[in-house]
Amino acid sequence: MKYAKKQSEKAVKSGYWPMYRFNPDLRAEGKNPFNWDVPATEDAVTFKDYLEEEIRYKTLNFSNPVEADRLSKLAVKDNEQRFTDIKHLSDTQP
């Protein structure tokens, strides 16, 4: 719990934990109601860096490194896909 805030910030900056706003009133103005708060490029954290700091992944890496590597690769792919999907939603006009 000591590093919860720092880890939460890394989760957002890596795209694992997307921060977005949805305002349905913007539709009346012809604007997209979905706004994704994308982290600035200089503040971005790689997903792999985020995973390395998570206890649940560290523990798995110690107990079963082969499985941890396989799951880490799957998680990276999944995160990239979610990142792309969310980016598409925020770019789409109503």
N, C-alpha and C. Protein backbone atom coordinates (compact mmCIF):
# COMPACT_ATOMS: atom_id res chain seq x y z
N MET A 1 0.81 -1.19 0.00
CA MET A 1 0.00 0.00 0.00
C MET A 1 0.86 1.26 0.00
N LYS A 2 2.08 1.10 0.35
CA LYS A 2 2.99 2.23 0.45
C LYS A 2 3.16 2.94 -0.90
N TYR A 3 3.13 2.18 -1.99
CA TYR A 3 3.36 2.75 -3.31
C TYR A 3 2.10 2.75 -4.17
N ALA A 4 0.94 2.68 -3.57
CA ALA A 4 -0.32 2.57 -4.31
C ALA A 4 -0.54 3.76 -5.24
N LYS A 5 -0.32 4.95 -4.77
CA LYS A 5 -0.53 6.15 -5.61
C LYS A 5 0.43 6.14 -6.79
N LYS A 6 1.68 5.87 -6.51
CA LYS A 6 2.70 5.84 -7.57
C LYS A 6 2.36 4.76 -8.61
N GLN A 7 1.93 3.61 -8.14
CA GLN A 7 1.59 2.50 -9.03
C GLN A 7 0.32 2.82 -9.83
N SER A 8 -0.63 3.50 -9.21
CA SER A 8 -1.84 3.91 -9.92
C SER A 8 -1.49 4.88 -11.05
N GLU A 9 -0.59 5.79 -10.78
CA GLU A 9 -0.15 6.74 -11.81
C GLU A 9 0.52 6.00 -12.96
N LYS A 10 1.33 5.00 -12.64
CA LYS A 10 1.97 4.20 -13.69
C LYS A 10 0.93 3.45 -14.51
N ALA A 11 -0.09 2.95 -13.86
CA ALA A 11 -1.16 2.23 -14.56
C ALA A 11 -1.84 3.14 -15.57
N VAL A 12 -2.09 4.38 -15.18
CA VAL A 12 -2.72 5.35 -16.10
C VAL A 12 -1.77 5.70 -17.22
N LYS A 13 -0.53 5.99 -16.89
CA LYS A 13 0.45 6.41 -17.90
C LYS A 13 0.80 5.30 -18.88
N SER A 14 0.62 4.05 -18.49
CA SER A 14 0.91 2.93 -19.38
C SER A 14 -0.28 2.57 -20.26
N GLY A 15 -1.45 3.12 -19.93
CA GLY A 15 -2.66 2.80 -20.68
C GLY A 15 -3.42 1.62 -20.11
N TYR A 16 -2.90 1.00 -19.07
CA TYR A 16 -3.57 -0.15 -18.45
C TYR A 16 -4.87 0.29 -17.79
N TRP A 17 -4.85 1.45 -17.21
CA TRP A 17 -6.00 1.99 -16.50
C TRP A 17 -6.40 3.29 -17.21
N PRO A 18 -7.27 3.19 -18.19
CA PRO A 18 -7.62 4.38 -18.97
C PRO A 18 -8.43 5.39 -18.16
N MET A 19 -8.08 6.64 -18.31
CA MET A 19 -8.82 7.73 -17.68
C MET A 19 -9.59 8.44 -18.78
N TYR A 20 -10.89 8.47 -18.63
CA TYR A 20 -11.69 9.14 -19.64
C TYR A 20 -12.87 9.85 -19.01
N ARG A 21 -13.44 10.73 -19.80
CA ARG A 21 -14.63 11.46 -19.38
C ARG A 21 -15.70 11.24 -20.43
N PHE A 22 -16.94 11.15 -20.00
CA PHE A 22 -18.06 11.00 -20.91
C PHE A 22 -19.12 12.03 -20.54
N ASN A 23 -19.41 12.91 -21.49
CA ASN A 23 -20.39 13.96 -21.27
C ASN A 23 -21.44 13.89 -22.38
N PRO A 24 -22.59 13.26 -22.13
CA PRO A 24 -23.60 13.10 -23.18
C PRO A 24 -24.16 14.43 -23.68
N ASP A 25 -24.02 15.50 -22.89
CA ASP A 25 -24.51 16.82 -23.33
C ASP A 25 -23.74 17.35 -24.54
N LEU A 26 -22.53 16.85 -24.75
CA LEU A 26 -21.74 17.31 -25.89
C LEU A 26 -22.34 16.87 -27.22
N ARG A 27 -23.15 15.82 -27.21
CA ARG A 27 -23.80 15.37 -28.44
C ARG A 27 -24.66 16.47 -29.04
N ALA A 28 -25.35 17.23 -28.21
CA ALA A 28 -26.22 18.32 -28.68
C ALA A 28 -25.40 19.40 -29.39
N GLU A 29 -24.13 19.51 -29.05
CA GLU A 29 -23.25 20.49 -29.69
C GLU A 29 -22.53 19.90 -30.90
N GLY A 30 -22.83 18.63 -31.20
CA GLY A 30 -22.18 17.96 -32.34
C GLY A 30 -20.77 17.51 -32.03
N LYS A 31 -20.45 17.41 -30.76
CA LYS A 31 -19.11 16.98 -30.36
C LYS A 31 -19.15 15.55 -29.86
N ASN A 32 -18.00 14.93 -29.85
CA ASN A 32 -17.87 13.57 -29.33
C ASN A 32 -18.01 13.60 -27.81
N PRO A 33 -18.96 12.83 -27.25
CA PRO A 33 -19.15 12.85 -25.80
C PRO A 33 -18.06 12.11 -25.03
N PHE A 34 -17.25 11.33 -25.73
CA PHE A 34 -16.21 10.53 -25.09
C PHE A 34 -14.88 11.24 -25.23
N ASN A 35 -14.22 11.53 -24.12
CA ASN A 35 -12.92 12.18 -24.15
C ASN A 35 -11.94 11.37 -23.31
N TRP A 36 -10.94 10.87 -23.97
CA TRP A 36 -9.93 10.06 -23.29
C TRP A 36 -8.77 10.94 -22.91
N ASP A 37 -8.39 10.90 -21.66
CA ASP A 37 -7.25 11.68 -21.17
C ASP A 37 -5.98 10.88 -21.40
N VAL A 38 -5.41 11.07 -22.56
CA VAL A 38 -4.20 10.34 -22.96
C VAL A 38 -3.00 10.96 -22.25
N PRO A 39 -2.15 10.11 -21.66
CA PRO A 39 -0.97 10.67 -21.00
C PRO A 39 -0.03 11.31 -22.02
N ALA A 40 0.61 12.38 -21.61
CA ALA A 40 1.58 13.04 -22.49
C ALA A 40 2.70 12.07 -22.82
N THR A 41 3.23 12.19 -24.00
CA THR A 41 4.27 11.27 -24.47
C THR A 41 5.47 11.24 -23.53
N GLU A 42 5.88 12.39 -23.03
CA GLU A 42 7.06 12.42 -22.15
C GLU A 42 6.77 11.79 -20.79
N ASP A 43 5.48 11.69 -20.43
CA ASP A 43 5.11 11.07 -19.16
C ASP A 43 4.76 9.59 -19.29
N ALA A 44 4.69 9.10 -20.52
CA ALA A 44 4.24 7.73 -20.75
C ALA A 44 5.18 6.71 -20.08
N VAL A 45 4.57 5.63 -19.65
CA VAL A 45 5.29 4.51 -19.03
C VAL A 45 4.98 3.28 -19.87
N THR A 46 5.97 2.46 -20.14
CA THR A 46 5.68 1.26 -20.91
C THR A 46 4.89 0.29 -20.04
N PHE A 47 4.06 -0.48 -20.70
CA PHE A 47 3.24 -1.44 -19.99
C PHE A 47 4.12 -2.45 -19.26
N LYS A 48 5.21 -2.82 -19.89
CA LYS A 48 6.13 -3.78 -19.28
C LYS A 48 6.72 -3.22 -17.97
N ASP A 49 7.05 -1.93 -17.96
CA ASP A 49 7.55 -1.30 -16.74
C ASP A 49 6.49 -1.33 -15.63
N TYR A 50 5.26 -1.10 -16.04
CA TYR A 50 4.16 -1.16 -15.07
C TYR A 50 4.05 -2.56 -14.49
N LEU A 51 4.08 -3.59 -15.35
CA LEU A 51 3.94 -4.97 -14.89
C LEU A 51 5.05 -5.37 -13.93
N GLU A 52 6.26 -4.91 -14.20
CA GLU A 52 7.40 -5.29 -13.37
C GLU A 52 7.27 -4.79 -11.93
N GLU A 53 6.46 -3.79 -11.71
CA GLU A 53 6.28 -3.24 -10.38
C GLU A 53 5.09 -3.84 -9.63
N GLU A 54 4.29 -4.64 -10.31
CA GLU A 54 3.12 -5.25 -9.69
C GLU A 54 3.51 -6.53 -8.96
N ILE A 55 3.15 -6.63 -7.69
CA ILE A 55 3.51 -7.78 -6.86
C ILE A 55 2.97 -9.09 -7.46
N ARG A 56 1.74 -9.05 -7.96
CA ARG A 56 1.15 -10.28 -8.50
C ARG A 56 1.96 -10.83 -9.67
N TYR A 57 2.53 -9.95 -10.49
CA TYR A 57 3.35 -10.41 -11.61
C TYR A 57 4.75 -10.78 -11.16
N LYS A 58 5.28 -10.04 -10.19
CA LYS A 58 6.61 -10.37 -9.65
C LYS A 58 6.59 -11.76 -9.03
N THR A 59 5.54 -12.05 -8.26
CA THR A 59 5.41 -13.34 -7.59
C THR A 59 5.35 -14.47 -8.60
N LEU A 60 4.56 -14.29 -9.63
CA LEU A 60 4.46 -15.31 -10.67
C LEU A 60 5.80 -15.51 -11.36
N ASN A 61 6.51 -14.42 -11.56
CA ASN A 61 7.82 -14.51 -12.22
C ASN A 61 8.81 -15.33 -11.39
N PHE A 62 8.72 -15.23 -10.08
CA PHE A 62 9.59 -16.03 -9.21
C PHE A 62 9.18 -17.49 -9.18
N SER A 63 7.88 -17.74 -9.12
CA SER A 63 7.40 -19.11 -8.98
C SER A 63 7.38 -19.89 -10.30
N ASN A 64 7.10 -19.19 -11.41
CA ASN A 64 7.02 -19.87 -12.71
C ASN A 64 7.40 -18.88 -13.82
N PRO A 65 8.71 -18.69 -14.04
CA PRO A 65 9.17 -17.68 -14.98
C PRO A 65 8.70 -17.90 -16.42
N VAL A 66 8.60 -19.14 -16.84
CA VAL A 66 8.17 -19.43 -18.21
C VAL A 66 6.72 -19.00 -18.42
N GLU A 67 5.87 -19.37 -17.49
CA GLU A 67 4.46 -18.99 -17.58
C GLU A 67 4.29 -17.48 -17.42
N ALA A 68 5.10 -16.89 -16.55
CA ALA A 68 5.04 -15.44 -16.35
C ALA A 68 5.40 -14.71 -17.64
N ASP A 69 6.40 -15.20 -18.34
CA ASP A 69 6.80 -14.58 -19.60
C ASP A 69 5.69 -14.71 -20.64
N ARG A 70 5.09 -15.88 -20.73
CA ARG A 70 4.01 -16.10 -21.68
C ARG A 70 2.83 -15.17 -21.39
N LEU A 71 2.44 -15.11 -20.12
CA LEU A 71 1.32 -14.27 -19.74
C LEU A 71 1.63 -12.79 -19.88
N SER A 72 2.87 -12.42 -19.63
CA SER A 72 3.28 -11.03 -19.80
C SER A 72 3.14 -10.60 -21.26
N LYS A 73 3.56 -11.47 -22.17
CA LYS A 73 3.43 -11.16 -23.60
C LYS A 73 1.96 -11.03 -24.00
N LEU A 74 1.13 -11.91 -23.48
CA LEU A 74 -0.31 -11.82 -23.76
C LEU A 74 -0.90 -10.53 -23.19
N ALA A 75 -0.48 -10.17 -22.00
CA ALA A 75 -0.99 -8.95 -21.37
C ALA A 75 -0.58 -7.71 -22.15
N VAL A 76 0.65 -7.70 -22.66
CA VAL A 76 1.12 -6.57 -23.46
C VAL A 76 0.28 -6.44 -24.72
N LYS A 77 0.03 -7.56 -25.40
CA LYS A 77 -0.80 -7.54 -26.61
C LYS A 77 -2.21 -7.06 -26.30
N ASP A 78 -2.78 -7.57 -25.21
CA ASP A 78 -4.13 -7.17 -24.82
C ASP A 78 -4.19 -5.68 -24.51
N ASN A 79 -3.19 -5.18 -23.80
CA ASN A 79 -3.17 -3.76 -23.46
C ASN A 79 -3.04 -2.90 -24.71
N GLU A 80 -2.22 -3.32 -25.66
CA GLU A 80 -2.08 -2.57 -26.90
C GLU A 80 -3.41 -2.52 -27.65
N GLN A 81 -4.13 -3.64 -27.66
CA GLN A 81 -5.43 -3.68 -28.35
C GLN A 81 -6.44 -2.78 -27.65
N ARG A 82 -6.48 -2.85 -26.31
CA ARG A 82 -7.40 -1.98 -25.57
C ARG A 82 -7.07 -0.51 -25.79
N PHE A 83 -5.78 -0.19 -25.82
CA PHE A 83 -5.32 1.17 -26.07
C PHE A 83 -5.82 1.64 -27.43
N THR A 84 -5.67 0.80 -28.44
CA THR A 84 -6.13 1.13 -29.80
C THR A 84 -7.64 1.31 -29.84
N ASP A 85 -8.37 0.42 -29.19
CA ASP A 85 -9.83 0.50 -29.18
C ASP A 85 -10.32 1.78 -28.50
N ILE A 86 -9.73 2.12 -27.38
CA ILE A 86 -10.15 3.32 -26.67
C ILE A 86 -9.78 4.57 -27.46
N LYS A 87 -8.61 4.56 -28.06
CA LYS A 87 -8.19 5.69 -28.90
C LYS A 87 -9.18 5.88 -30.03
N HIS A 88 -9.62 4.80 -30.63
CA HIS A 88 -10.59 4.86 -31.72
C HIS A 88 -11.91 5.48 -31.23
N LEU A 89 -12.36 5.10 -30.06
CA LEU A 89 -13.60 5.66 -29.51
C LEU A 89 -13.50 7.16 -29.30
N SER A 90 -12.36 7.61 -28.82
CA SER A 90 -12.22 9.04 -28.54
C SER A 90 -12.04 9.85 -29.82
N ASP A 91 -11.58 9.21 -30.89
CA ASP A 91 -11.39 9.91 -32.17
C ASP A 91 -12.66 9.94 -33.01
N THR A 92 -13.58 9.04 -32.73
CA THR A 92 -14.79 8.91 -33.53
C THR A 92 -15.73 10.06 -33.24
N GLN A 93 -16.27 10.64 -34.28
CA GLN A 93 -17.24 11.71 -34.12
C GLN A 93 -18.62 11.12 -33.93
N PRO A 94 -19.51 11.78 -33.21
CA PRO A 94 -20.86 11.25 -32.96
C PRO A 94 -21.68 11.17 -34.23
